Amino acid sequence: MKGLAALSLFGLLVAGFTIVEANPKKCEGHTVFMRDVERACIEKTCATLHSPPTIDCVGMETGCFCKRGFVKEKGECQPSSICKANSV
């Protein structure tokens, strides 16, 4: 399972994503995902790693992405049952 997760994370890096360690006080139990858009991302968002880190709920206005099952709200990725409706 760890190998699969490592492979998935490597795939994200190849796809142009930078994985950044979370601030434990802000995102305990989560990983911060930042999209490398012109070497900057306006906001950092939290995404759980309970399933493979497929990022498909997009906050286009910021250039940052929330993981499946989450939706951007107040600058953070929050659990949402409507995330699929907002997915690309």
Protein backbone atom coordinates (compact mmCIF):
# COMPACT_ATOMS: atom_id res chain seq x y z
CA MET A 1 0.00 0.00 0.00
CA LYS A 2 2.85 2.36 0.83
CA GLY A 3 4.40 1.61 -2.55
CA LEU A 4 1.15 2.49 -4.30
CA ALA A 5 0.88 5.76 -2.37
CA ALA A 6 4.49 6.61 -3.19
CA LEU A 7 3.86 5.84 -6.87
CA SER A 8 0.75 8.07 -6.83
CA LEU A 9 2.66 10.90 -5.16
CA PHE A 10 5.46 10.51 -7.72
CA GLY A 11 2.83 10.76 -10.45
CA LEU A 12 1.65 14.06 -9.00
CA LEU A 13 5.20 15.40 -8.97
CA VAL A 14 5.64 14.40 -12.61
CA ALA A 15 2.33 16.09 -13.43
CA GLY A 16 3.70 19.40 -12.12
CA PHE A 17 2.42 19.34 -8.57
CA THR A 18 4.55 20.16 -5.57
CA ILE A 19 3.74 18.24 -2.39
CA VAL A 20 4.39 20.40 0.66
CA GLU A 21 4.39 19.22 4.27
CA ALA A 22 1.36 20.43 6.16
CA ASN A 23 1.42 22.87 9.04
CA PRO A 24 0.30 20.53 11.89
CA LYS A 25 -1.65 23.31 13.61
CA LYS A 26 -3.58 24.13 10.44
CA CYS A 27 -3.88 20.79 8.67
CA GLU A 28 -3.34 18.07 11.25
CA GLY A 29 -3.64 14.65 9.63
CA HIS A 30 -3.66 16.20 6.15
CA THR A 31 -1.16 17.06 3.46
CA VAL A 32 -1.02 20.44 1.81
CA PHE A 33 -1.18 20.31 -1.99
CA MET A 34 0.13 23.25 -3.97
CA ARG A 35 -0.10 23.53 -7.73
CA ASP A 36 2.99 24.96 -9.35
CA VAL A 37 1.46 27.71 -11.48
CA GLU A 38 4.22 30.08 -12.56
CA ARG A 39 6.07 28.94 -9.43
CA ALA A 40 3.33 30.25 -7.16
CA CYS A 41 0.01 29.16 -5.78
CA ILE A 42 -2.30 31.76 -4.28
CA GLU A 43 -3.67 29.49 -1.57
CA LYS A 44 -2.62 26.28 0.14
CA THR A 45 -5.40 23.75 0.57
CA CYS A 46 -5.78 20.58 2.61
CA ALA A 47 -6.58 17.20 1.10
CA THR A 48 -6.85 13.86 2.88
CA LEU A 49 -4.88 10.86 1.73
CA HIS A 50 -7.51 8.27 2.64
CA SER A 51 -7.65 7.30 -1.03
CA PRO A 52 -5.12 7.82 -3.82
CA PRO A 53 -4.35 11.53 -4.11
CA THR A 54 -6.44 12.24 -7.17
CA ILE A 55 -7.03 15.96 -7.22
CA ASP A 56 -10.22 16.63 -9.12
CA CYS A 57 -12.18 19.31 -7.32
CA VAL A 58 -10.75 22.49 -8.74
CA GLY A 59 -10.71 26.04 -7.38
CA MET A 60 -9.99 27.71 -10.71
CA GLU A 61 -10.12 31.21 -9.24
CA THR A 62 -7.01 30.51 -7.17
CA GLY A 63 -5.16 27.98 -9.29
CA CYS A 64 -5.25 25.53 -6.37
CA PHE A 65 -6.91 22.16 -6.31
CA CYS A 66 -8.86 20.23 -3.69
CA LYS A 67 -8.87 16.46 -3.54
CA ARG A 68 -11.90 14.34 -4.49
CA GLY A 69 -14.57 14.58 -1.79
CA PHE A 70 -13.51 18.10 -0.83
CA VAL A 71 -14.54 21.53 -2.05
CA LYS A 72 -12.88 24.90 -1.54
CA GLU A 73 -14.62 27.02 1.07
CA LYS A 74 -13.12 30.09 2.77
CA GLY A 75 -9.76 29.32 1.16
CA GLU A 76 -9.65 25.76 2.51
CA CYS A 77 -10.64 22.39 1.12
CA GLN A 78 -13.59 21.20 3.17
CA PRO A 79 -15.36 17.81 3.04
CA SER A 80 -18.26 18.02 0.64
CA SER A 81 -20.74 15.60 -0.84
CA ILE A 82 -21.19 17.99 -3.78
CA CYS A 83 -17.55 18.01 -4.82
CA LYS A 84 -18.17 15.69 -7.76
CA ALA A 85 -20.62 18.21 -9.19
CA ASN A 86 -17.80 20.78 -9.14
CA SER A 87 -15.16 18.46 -10.58
CA VAL A 88 -13.52 18.88 -13.94
